[in-house]
Structures are given as C-alpha cells and as structure tokens.
Amino acid sequence: MDDVIVVPDSAGADLRRHLGLAPSAPLRISYIPGPGDVVGTFDQWREGRHETRVPIIAYSLMFYELMHRLEADCQIISLAPPPAPRSPRQDGRFRFDQVQERAATNRWQWIWSQHRFARDVTAQVARFRPHIVLNSTHTPAAAWKGMARGRKLILSAHNSFWPMGRPPADPKNRLRRALLAGQAAALDGAVCTSHECMRQIAALTGGRVKGEVEHPQIVDRYPLQRRDRPSNLLFLGRTEPSKGVFLLLDAFERLAGKHPDLTLTFAGSGSSEAALRARCAASPHAGRITFLGRIGSARVHAAIAASDLVICPTMTSFNEGLAVVGFEAAAHGIPSVLSSVVPAAELLGDAASVFTADDGQALEGLLLHLLNDPDTYRRKCAATALVRERLYDRSLSWGSALFRSLMSL
C-alpha cells in the first residue's frame, strides 16, 4: 500500500509539531465516512490488498494507510459491525464504533432518523476525545458544531450542496443555505472531490476554508484501442431518475433509427431498475439495448473497454460531487459526455463534452455531433492521455490531499 499516498517520511512528527504536540505524544483522529463498507476495506488493507469492489482506489483505504504512516490512534464510526481482530500491530491503532441509521418511510421519520444519527455520532466522537475529526458530507451538517467542540474539523466533501451553476435562488433554499453557512462555521478544512465542491465550501465559509481538491486514482493500467466513431454508448451508475437514465434512453431512441450501428448499455442498479428494464424491453430498438445490472470492479472496466463513449446525464435534482465514471473511462482512452451539473469537466478537460442538464434535445444534439464528426471524437479520445497521467499520480490522491489539509489546520 506504500504507493497510494505521497507524504514525507517525517509526516507523523511534522503533523504533531504543527499541532503543538510532543513528538511521541498520542495523536487521535476520528473518521466518519460515507455509507460504503469501510470495515470490508479495512480487512483488505490490513492484508495488503486493494479494495476489489470499486474501480478506483478507495478513500477509506487511503485513510488507513495515512493513519498508519502518521502512527495515529483512530476511531472509525461505521454503519457496520467492527472487523474481527487480527494483527495487534495493525489493529491496535484502529477502533471501530458502530452507529446505525434508522430506517425511515416518510419525511418526518427521515428527519428524526437524521437527528438521532447526528446525536449518536457526536456522542461517540466525544467519548474518543480526538484532536481532529474527519467527517464526510454523509453526516448531517447539524452534527458539525458538536463534533468540532474543542477539536479541528475537516470535511471530506463527496457531494456538492447545490447543483453546479445553480445556487439557491428561491426563499426556501436561500434559507437552507444560510443555515448551512452557519453550520459551516465549525469547519477548519476540507478535502474536495471537485473544484465545484471547493468553491461551494469557500462560499459557505466566506473564503475562510479553501479546501484541497483531490484527483481520482486507479490501480491498474489498461490497454488502449483506436476508436474512430462512438457507436457503443455506456451508462455506468445508479439507475435513478435523478441520474438521467430515462433522458438518455429517450435520446438514444431518437438517434437509433438513423444510426443502425448505435448501441446502448446500462450498468448499475437503483430504485428505477425495474421501470428502466421495462422501458428498454418495450423500446423499438430493444435488441440494441443491454442491461447489465449491478456489476463489480472487473466487469466495470470490461464494460468500459467494450464502449466508445461513457454518458453521465445527471439531472439538476441531484447534487453531484464529481462522478468518477469519466475518469474510469479515460483510463481506457474513452471520452465522456457529462451534463452541466456534473463537476468533473475541470479535471477531465477536453476528454469530456458537456450538455445542458435536463435538456434531452441538447444531449441528442451533442451525441449526434460526435457521431457525425469523427475528427472531434478522435481529438476527445486523444485528450484522455493527460487525464491518465493524473490517474496514476499519487501526489494528487485523496489521501495525499488529506495530509495537506491536516498540515494547513
């Protein structure tokens, strides 16, 4: 795991000195991640293996490696039960505390569930008495102030707070933003999945918190193939209306009649899976639509390699943080098409094309342009080379960005 982050050999001593601690003093850090299986990732990390269930290097794996290098005592607040103890050398510094989110069937139950979750997380943090808390955007912002009491609080921002380019305008959402800005006063730093997340945190904190922007990292390198035309389209992600799956299907159906070699593949699962499968089965072009469902990391990369263009048509109803599919595609030399609320274009550069979110005609027009202009498509493919360089530059990883954020406290 030595290659997932780039930090100095003296990182632990440097951070303790920066925080005013003695070189041999305990350094306690609490981590409240998102809903992923951080326990399973820990099991793989302590065996010296990468997380095999996701196509990129997992954030929690980088956290474990950084904490190991810092010789920090860590509390991880997990939704799952703690892992079974194994090696005291590795396990002794990592403590897992389980906090469960209660199920909710309506909005009021959800609000109460979030309140209970925030209260329970804050109580667990207080008992551990960390110097620093690393908190993801999954945890309710109402918990930030309590977690930060007498400690430094870093936000790992995996999602934006409003759709990119669409700041709150109506009274209700402006009030929500004002409340969020008040809660953000507790933040001391941030690690951001995109420049848009960084900008929004700066806006909420009046520029006080700048944020470190990470770049997704991939373990393996993949063979590249020459592609001249985007005949095979791929959607990779959750099959939710807010992810634009029906918008994409509609655009494909309008194009398919005039482009008999055009195909569409959906890979992923979600609340709209059954409805999407039914729509695909009823399509006049059903024979050219493939539905893979939920697939693991190896099949993700196989699906990308079999495609010519990856589509991420997220709607304005979802606050996208980055969308890593464009980076996974670039690892194979394949460009992507993003809606205007997907904040990945700044990192993907010319390897991505952008259309106006929620606008099916705009998506259709952009796809038609790439179908009819092979030169533009080939330039997009060539532009993935710069993205690939960064995919394997561990100094840009989330774990490396976290260390820089720690040193800026």
Protein backbone atom coordinates (compact mmCIF):
# COMPACT_ATOMS: atom_id res chain seq x y z
CA MET A 1 0.00 0.00 0.00
CA ASP A 2 3.04 2.28 0.03
CA ASP A 3 2.11 3.74 -3.34
CA VAL A 4 -1.42 5.06 -2.64
CA ILE A 5 -0.32 8.31 -0.98
CA VAL A 6 2.67 10.65 -1.13
CA VAL A 7 3.73 12.08 2.24
CA PRO A 8 7.17 12.73 3.76
CA ASP A 9 8.79 10.06 5.91
CA SER A 10 8.56 12.52 8.79
CA ALA A 11 4.79 13.04 8.30
CA GLY A 12 3.84 11.94 11.82
CA ALA A 13 6.44 14.14 13.51
CA ASP A 14 5.64 17.06 11.19
CA LEU A 15 1.91 16.94 11.98
CA ARG A 16 2.45 16.64 15.74
CA ARG A 17 4.83 19.59 15.66
CA HIS A 18 2.30 21.57 13.60
CA LEU A 19 -0.43 20.82 16.16
CA GLY A 20 1.81 21.71 19.11
CA LEU A 21 2.12 18.11 20.32
CA ALA A 22 5.29 16.43 21.57
CA PRO A 23 6.98 14.12 19.01
CA SER A 24 5.96 10.99 20.95
CA ALA A 25 2.54 12.25 22.05
CA PRO A 26 -0.61 10.32 21.05
CA LEU A 27 -2.42 11.75 18.03
CA ARG A 28 -6.13 10.87 17.98
CA ILE A 29 -8.23 11.22 14.82
CA SER A 30 -11.90 10.33 14.36
CA TYR A 31 -13.23 9.44 10.90
CA ILE A 32 -16.92 9.47 10.00
CA PRO A 33 -17.02 8.16 6.41
CA GLY A 34 -19.90 7.75 3.99
CA PRO A 35 -22.11 4.66 3.73
CA GLY A 36 -19.54 2.42 1.99
CA ASP A 37 -18.20 -0.78 3.53
CA VAL A 38 -15.24 0.70 5.42
CA VAL A 39 -14.94 -2.47 7.52
CA GLY A 40 -14.52 -4.63 4.42
CA THR A 41 -11.98 -2.19 3.01
CA PHE A 42 -10.07 -2.31 6.31
CA ASP A 43 -9.90 -6.10 6.08
CA GLN A 44 -8.41 -5.83 2.60
CA TRP A 45 -5.98 -3.07 3.60
CA ARG A 46 -4.56 -4.97 6.55
CA GLU A 47 -3.96 -7.92 4.23
CA GLY A 48 -2.04 -5.65 1.87
CA ARG A 49 -4.69 -5.76 -0.87
CA HIS A 50 -6.56 -3.06 -2.73
CA GLU A 51 -10.33 -2.79 -2.43
CA THR A 52 -11.53 -5.07 -5.22
CA ARG A 53 -15.17 -3.99 -5.24
CA VAL A 54 -14.68 -0.49 -6.58
CA PRO A 55 -12.87 0.59 -9.78
CA ILE A 56 -10.84 3.36 -8.10
CA ILE A 57 -8.58 3.42 -5.03
CA ALA A 58 -11.00 3.63 -2.09
CA TYR A 59 -10.87 6.74 0.10
CA SER A 60 -11.06 4.69 3.29
CA LEU A 61 -8.10 2.56 2.18
CA MET A 62 -6.05 5.73 1.75
CA PHE A 63 -7.23 6.90 5.19
CA TYR A 64 -5.97 3.68 6.82
CA GLU A 65 -2.63 3.93 5.07
CA LEU A 66 -2.17 7.60 6.01
CA MET A 67 -3.07 6.95 9.66
CA HIS A 68 -0.61 4.03 9.71
CA ARG A 69 2.13 6.36 8.42
CA LEU A 70 1.20 9.04 10.98
CA GLU A 71 1.13 6.45 13.79
CA ALA A 72 -2.19 7.95 14.82
CA ASP A 73 -4.82 6.41 17.09
CA CYS A 74 -8.01 6.29 15.04
CA GLN A 75 -11.69 5.99 15.65
CA ILE A 76 -13.78 4.94 12.63
CA ILE A 77 -17.52 5.35 13.03
CA SER A 78 -19.10 2.71 10.84
CA LEU A 79 -22.62 1.66 9.93
CA ALA A 80 -21.41 -1.97 10.01
CA PRO A 81 -20.13 -4.04 12.95
CA PRO A 82 -16.37 -3.80 13.66
CA PRO A 83 -13.94 -6.21 11.97
CA ALA A 84 -12.61 -9.26 13.76
CA PRO A 85 -9.26 -8.53 15.49
CA ARG A 86 -6.16 -9.93 13.82
CA SER A 87 -2.68 -8.44 13.98
CA PRO A 88 -2.20 -6.27 17.11
CA ARG A 89 0.45 -4.32 15.20
CA GLN A 90 -2.11 -3.10 12.68
CA ASP A 91 -5.38 -3.32 14.60
CA GLY A 92 -4.24 -1.71 17.84
CA ARG A 93 -4.41 1.85 16.48
CA PHE A 94 -7.81 1.41 14.79
CA ARG A 95 -11.01 1.41 16.80
CA PHE A 96 -14.38 0.87 15.09
CA ASP A 97 -17.55 2.17 16.73
CA GLN A 98 -20.86 1.26 15.14
CA VAL A 99 -23.65 3.82 14.76
CA GLN A 100 -26.75 2.69 12.92
CA GLU A 101 -29.01 4.81 10.77
CA ARG A 102 -32.66 4.08 11.48
CA ALA A 103 -34.94 3.27 8.58
CA ALA A 104 -37.49 5.89 7.56
CA THR A 105 -40.63 5.57 5.45
CA ASN A 106 -41.63 9.24 5.33
CA ARG A 107 -40.04 12.68 5.58
CA TRP A 108 -40.72 13.18 9.29
CA GLN A 109 -39.24 9.81 10.13
CA TRP A 110 -36.21 10.68 7.98
CA ILE A 111 -35.72 14.00 9.82
CA TRP A 112 -35.93 12.22 13.18
CA SER A 113 -33.57 9.49 11.95
CA GLN A 114 -31.02 12.09 10.85
CA HIS A 115 -31.30 13.87 14.21
CA ARG A 116 -30.69 10.60 16.09
CA PHE A 117 -27.79 9.69 13.81
CA ALA A 118 -26.14 13.11 14.32
CA ARG A 119 -26.62 12.83 18.10
CA ASP A 120 -25.18 9.30 18.28
CA VAL A 121 -22.17 10.16 16.11
CA THR A 122 -21.41 13.26 18.17
CA ALA A 123 -21.58 11.23 21.38
CA GLN A 124 -19.19 8.60 20.03
CA VAL A 125 -16.70 11.28 18.97
CA ALA A 126 -16.88 12.97 22.37
CA ARG A 127 -16.04 9.70 24.12
CA PHE A 128 -12.94 9.19 21.97
CA ARG A 129 -11.69 12.77 22.57
CA PRO A 130 -9.84 13.21 19.26
CA HIS A 131 -7.60 16.08 18.29
CA ILE A 132 -9.04 16.06 14.76
CA VAL A 133 -12.33 14.89 13.25
CA LEU A 134 -12.61 13.96 9.58
CA ASN A 135 -16.25 13.98 8.60
CA SER A 136 -17.93 13.19 5.26
CA THR A 137 -20.88 15.05 3.76
CA HIS A 138 -22.98 11.97 4.53
CA THR A 139 -23.22 13.04 8.17
CA PRO A 140 -25.86 15.73 8.79
CA ALA A 141 -24.42 19.24 8.96
CA ALA A 142 -26.31 19.69 12.24
CA ALA A 143 -23.64 17.50 13.85
CA TRP A 144 -20.67 19.63 12.76
CA LYS A 145 -20.70 22.06 15.67
CA GLY A 146 -20.90 19.32 18.29
CA MET A 147 -18.12 17.29 16.68
CA ALA A 148 -15.86 20.34 16.41
CA ARG A 149 -16.15 21.36 20.04
CA GLY A 150 -12.55 21.79 21.19
CA ARG A 151 -11.25 19.97 18.09
CA LYS A 152 -10.29 20.61 14.49
CA LEU A 153 -12.92 19.55 11.94
CA ILE A 154 -12.13 18.62 8.33
CA LEU A 155 -14.93 17.93 5.85
CA SER A 156 -14.45 15.28 3.17
CA ALA A 157 -16.80 16.73 0.55
CA HIS A 158 -18.01 14.00 -1.79
CA ASN A 159 -21.16 15.84 -2.86
CA SER A 160 -21.98 19.43 -3.67
CA PHE A 161 -24.56 21.31 -1.60
CA TRP A 162 -26.50 22.57 -4.62
CA PRO A 163 -26.33 21.72 -8.35
CA MET A 164 -23.29 23.23 -10.05
CA GLY A 165 -24.05 26.61 -11.56
CA ARG A 166 -27.43 26.77 -9.84
CA PRO A 167 -27.02 28.42 -6.42
CA PRO A 168 -30.16 28.61 -4.27
CA ALA A 169 -32.46 31.32 -5.60
CA ASP A 170 -35.91 30.80 -4.04
CA PRO A 171 -36.55 31.89 -0.42
CA LYS A 172 -36.77 28.35 0.97
CA ASN A 173 -33.42 27.21 -0.45
CA ARG A 174 -31.74 30.52 0.35
CA LEU A 175 -32.78 29.99 3.97
CA ARG A 176 -31.31 26.47 3.85
CA ARG A 177 -28.06 27.88 2.50
CA ALA A 178 -27.95 30.49 5.28
CA LEU A 179 -28.44 27.75 7.90
CA LEU A 180 -25.74 25.66 6.23
CA ALA A 181 -23.36 28.62 6.26
CA GLY A 182 -23.91 28.94 10.00
CA GLN A 183 -23.12 25.26 10.49
CA ALA A 184 -20.05 25.56 8.24
CA ALA A 185 -18.54 27.99 10.75
CA ALA A 186 -17.40 24.83 12.57
CA LEU A 187 -15.20 23.71 9.66
CA ASP A 188 -11.42 24.15 9.74
CA GLY A 189 -10.52 22.44 6.48
CA ALA A 190 -11.86 20.39 3.59
CA VAL A 191 -10.82 17.71 1.11
CA CYS A 192 -12.93 18.08 -2.02
CA THR A 193 -13.72 15.68 -4.84
CA SER A 194 -14.07 18.56 -7.32
CA HIS A 195 -13.36 22.23 -7.80
CA GLU A 196 -17.09 22.87 -7.53
CA CYS A 197 -17.21 21.34 -4.04
CA MET A 198 -14.22 23.54 -3.15
CA ARG A 199 -15.98 26.66 -4.47
CA GLN A 200 -19.17 25.92 -2.57
CA ILE A 201 -17.33 25.38 0.71
CA ALA A 202 -15.44 28.63 0.16
CA ALA A 203 -18.78 30.37 -0.47
CA LEU A 204 -20.32 28.91 2.70
CA THR A 205 -17.33 29.93 4.84
CA GLY A 206 -16.77 33.36 3.30
CA GLY A 207 -13.50 32.18 1.79
CA ARG A 208 -12.09 31.10 5.16
CA VAL A 209 -11.84 27.40 4.17
CA LYS A 210 -10.10 26.96 0.82
CA GLY A 211 -10.19 23.17 0.53
CA GLU A 212 -7.82 20.70 -1.15
CA VAL A 213 -9.03 19.17 -4.42
CA GLU A 214 -8.13 15.51 -4.97
CA HIS A 215 -7.93 13.62 -8.25
CA PRO A 216 -9.35 10.08 -8.55
CA GLN A 217 -6.73 7.35 -8.65
CA ILE A 218 -6.79 3.96 -10.38
CA VAL A 219 -4.67 0.92 -9.56
CA ASP A 220 -4.18 -0.80 -12.92
CA ARG A 221 -3.28 0.39 -16.39
CA TYR A 222 -5.43 -0.77 -19.28
CA PRO A 223 -4.67 -1.42 -22.96
CA LEU A 224 -5.80 1.30 -25.36
CA GLN A 225 -7.60 0.71 -28.64
CA ARG A 226 -8.00 3.04 -31.58
CA ARG A 227 -11.57 4.25 -31.88
CA ASP A 228 -12.94 6.28 -34.78
CA ARG A 229 -16.63 6.62 -34.00
CA PRO A 230 -18.76 6.39 -30.84
CA SER A 231 -21.09 3.53 -31.80
CA ASN A 232 -21.37 1.93 -28.34
CA LEU A 233 -22.77 4.15 -25.58
CA LEU A 234 -22.45 3.24 -21.89
CA PHE A 235 -24.24 4.49 -18.78
CA LEU A 236 -22.49 3.43 -15.59
CA GLY A 237 -24.02 4.34 -12.24
CA ARG A 238 -27.17 4.20 -10.15
CA THR A 239 -30.36 3.72 -12.13
CA GLU A 240 -32.28 6.62 -10.62
CA PRO A 241 -34.40 9.26 -12.42
CA SER A 242 -32.09 11.94 -10.97
CA LYS A 243 -29.17 10.26 -12.75
CA GLY A 244 -30.81 10.93 -16.14
CA VAL A 245 -31.29 7.32 -17.24
CA PHE A 246 -34.64 7.97 -18.91
CA LEU A 247 -33.34 11.15 -20.53
CA LEU A 248 -30.53 9.10 -22.06
CA LEU A 249 -32.86 6.33 -23.21
CA ASP A 250 -35.12 8.87 -24.93
CA ALA A 251 -32.16 10.47 -26.73
CA PHE A 252 -30.87 7.06 -27.81
CA GLU A 253 -34.24 6.06 -29.26
CA ARG A 254 -34.41 9.24 -31.33
CA LEU A 255 -30.91 8.62 -32.70
CA ALA A 256 -31.09 4.85 -33.16
CA GLY A 257 -33.41 4.96 -36.18
CA LYS A 258 -30.90 6.93 -38.24
CA HIS A 259 -27.81 5.15 -36.85
CA PRO A 260 -28.34 1.38 -37.13
CA ASP A 261 -24.95 0.57 -35.55
CA LEU A 262 -25.64 2.57 -32.39
CA THR A 263 -25.97 0.55 -29.14
CA LEU A 264 -26.66 1.47 -25.52
CA THR A 265 -25.63 -0.37 -22.35
CA PHE A 266 -26.86 0.35 -18.82
CA ALA A 267 -24.70 -0.88 -15.93
CA GLY A 268 -25.87 -0.27 -12.38
CA SER A 269 -28.84 -0.73 -10.09
CA GLY A 270 -31.23 1.54 -8.22
CA SER A 271 -34.84 2.34 -7.41
CA SER A 272 -35.77 2.71 -11.10
CA GLU A 273 -34.16 -0.52 -12.27
CA ALA A 274 -37.45 -2.36 -12.89
CA ALA A 275 -39.03 0.61 -14.67
CA LEU A 276 -35.93 1.13 -16.80
CA ARG A 277 -35.77 -2.55 -17.74
CA ALA A 278 -39.43 -2.40 -18.79
CA ARG A 279 -38.82 0.69 -20.90
CA CYS A 280 -35.81 -0.93 -22.55
CA ALA A 281 -37.77 -4.13 -23.28
CA ALA A 282 -40.60 -2.10 -24.86
CA SER A 283 -38.26 0.02 -27.00
CA PRO A 284 -38.43 -0.44 -30.78
CA HIS A 285 -34.65 -0.79 -30.54
CA ALA A 286 -34.67 -3.26 -27.64
CA GLY A 287 -32.27 -5.57 -29.47
CA ARG A 288 -29.58 -2.89 -29.31
CA ILE A 289 -30.00 -2.11 -25.61
CA THR A 290 -28.17 -4.16 -22.97
CA PHE A 291 -28.88 -4.07 -19.24
CA LEU A 292 -26.04 -5.41 -17.11
CA GLY A 293 -27.44 -4.51 -13.69
CA ARG A 294 -25.06 -4.08 -10.77
CA ILE A 295 -21.52 -5.24 -11.61
CA GLY A 296 -18.20 -5.46 -9.78
CA SER A 297 -14.96 -3.64 -10.45
CA ALA A 298 -13.57 -6.09 -13.04
CA ARG A 299 -16.79 -6.06 -15.05
CA VAL A 300 -16.96 -2.26 -14.81
CA HIS A 301 -13.67 -1.98 -16.62
CA ALA A 302 -14.70 -4.67 -19.11
CA ALA A 303 -17.89 -2.74 -19.87
CA ILE A 304 -15.92 0.48 -20.35
CA ALA A 305 -13.42 -1.23 -22.63
CA ALA A 306 -16.30 -2.50 -24.78
CA SER A 307 -17.77 1.00 -25.15
CA ASP A 308 -16.84 4.05 -27.21
CA LEU A 309 -18.46 6.80 -25.12
CA VAL A 310 -19.50 6.98 -21.45
CA ILE A 311 -22.56 9.12 -20.68
CA CYS A 312 -23.23 10.79 -17.31
CA PRO A 313 -26.56 12.66 -17.75
CA THR A 314 -27.17 13.68 -14.12
CA MET A 315 -30.25 15.89 -13.61
CA THR A 316 -30.43 19.16 -11.65
CA SER A 317 -32.39 17.31 -8.95
CA PHE A 318 -29.17 15.64 -7.75
CA ASN A 319 -26.21 17.37 -6.12
CA GLU A 320 -23.36 15.62 -7.90
CA GLY A 321 -19.95 15.81 -6.24
CA LEU A 322 -17.77 14.57 -9.09
CA ALA A 323 -18.86 11.36 -10.93
CA VAL A 324 -15.79 9.14 -11.28
CA VAL A 325 -17.07 7.33 -14.40
CA GLY A 326 -15.41 9.92 -16.65
CA PHE A 327 -12.05 9.12 -15.07
CA GLU A 328 -12.58 5.38 -15.28
CA ALA A 329 -13.38 5.87 -18.96
CA ALA A 330 -10.25 7.97 -19.51
CA ALA A 331 -8.14 5.10 -18.15
CA HIS A 332 -9.25 3.19 -21.27
CA GLY A 333 -8.78 6.13 -23.63
CA ILE A 334 -12.54 6.70 -23.87
CA PRO A 335 -14.08 10.19 -23.67
CA SER A 336 -17.26 11.04 -21.78
CA VAL A 337 -20.38 13.15 -22.11
CA LEU A 338 -21.49 14.99 -18.95
CA SER A 339 -24.48 17.09 -18.04
CA SER A 340 -23.71 20.65 -16.95
CA VAL A 341 -24.25 19.82 -13.24
CA VAL A 342 -21.51 17.15 -13.19
CA PRO A 343 -18.47 18.98 -11.77
CA ALA A 344 -15.83 16.84 -13.46
CA ALA A 345 -15.15 18.83 -16.63
CA GLU A 346 -12.41 20.94 -15.00
CA LEU A 347 -10.39 17.80 -14.24
CA LEU A 348 -11.29 15.94 -17.44
CA GLY A 349 -10.66 18.89 -19.76
CA ASP A 350 -11.11 18.14 -23.47
CA ALA A 351 -11.72 14.46 -22.71
CA ALA A 352 -15.29 15.44 -21.78
CA SER A 353 -18.15 17.09 -23.65
CA VAL A 354 -20.88 18.94 -21.73
CA PHE A 355 -24.59 19.45 -22.46
CA THR A 356 -27.21 21.48 -20.59
CA ALA A 357 -28.63 19.39 -17.74
CA ASP A 358 -32.25 18.18 -18.05
CA ASP A 359 -32.25 19.02 -21.78
CA GLY A 360 -32.80 15.87 -23.82
CA GLN A 361 -32.53 17.74 -27.10
CA ALA A 362 -29.15 19.11 -26.06
CA LEU A 363 -27.94 15.59 -25.19
CA GLU A 364 -29.20 14.27 -28.51
CA GLY A 365 -27.54 17.12 -30.39
CA LEU A 366 -24.19 16.56 -28.69
CA LEU A 367 -24.27 12.82 -29.36
CA LEU A 368 -25.23 13.48 -32.98
CA HIS A 369 -22.29 15.88 -33.35
CA LEU A 370 -19.85 13.25 -32.05
CA LEU A 371 -21.39 10.59 -34.30
CA ASN A 372 -21.10 12.77 -37.40
CA ASP A 373 -17.70 14.31 -36.70
CA PRO A 374 -15.04 11.58 -36.33
CA ASP A 375 -12.23 14.15 -36.09
CA THR A 376 -13.77 15.74 -32.99
CA TYR A 377 -14.34 12.31 -31.46
CA ARG A 378 -10.74 11.25 -32.09
CA ARG A 379 -9.48 14.51 -30.51
CA LYS A 380 -11.57 13.72 -27.44
CA CYS A 381 -10.01 10.26 -27.28
CA ALA A 382 -6.50 11.74 -27.55
CA ALA A 383 -7.28 14.23 -24.75
CA THR A 384 -7.69 11.36 -22.28
CA ALA A 385 -3.90 10.98 -22.23
CA LEU A 386 -3.47 13.96 -19.88
CA VAL A 387 -6.17 12.61 -17.56
CA ARG A 388 -4.44 9.22 -17.46
CA GLU A 389 -1.20 10.84 -16.26
CA ARG A 390 -3.06 12.21 -13.24
CA LEU A 391 -4.89 8.93 -12.56
CA TYR A 392 -1.55 7.41 -11.52
CA ASP A 393 -0.03 10.46 -9.80
CA ARG A 394 -0.45 9.54 -6.14
CA SER A 395 0.55 13.03 -5.01
CA LEU A 396 -2.92 14.06 -6.26
CA SER A 397 -4.77 11.31 -4.36
CA TRP A 398 -7.41 11.89 -1.70
CA GLY A 399 -5.02 10.61 0.99
CA SER A 400 -2.25 12.99 -0.09
CA ALA A 401 -4.75 15.87 -0.18
CA LEU A 402 -5.92 14.91 3.31
CA PHE A 403 -2.38 15.18 4.65
CA ARG A 404 -2.01 18.64 3.09
CA SER A 405 -5.31 19.65 4.70
CA LEU A 406 -4.12 18.37 8.08
CA MET A 407 -0.92 20.40 7.75
CA SER A 408 -2.95 23.55 6.96
CA LEU A 409 -5.01 23.45 10.17
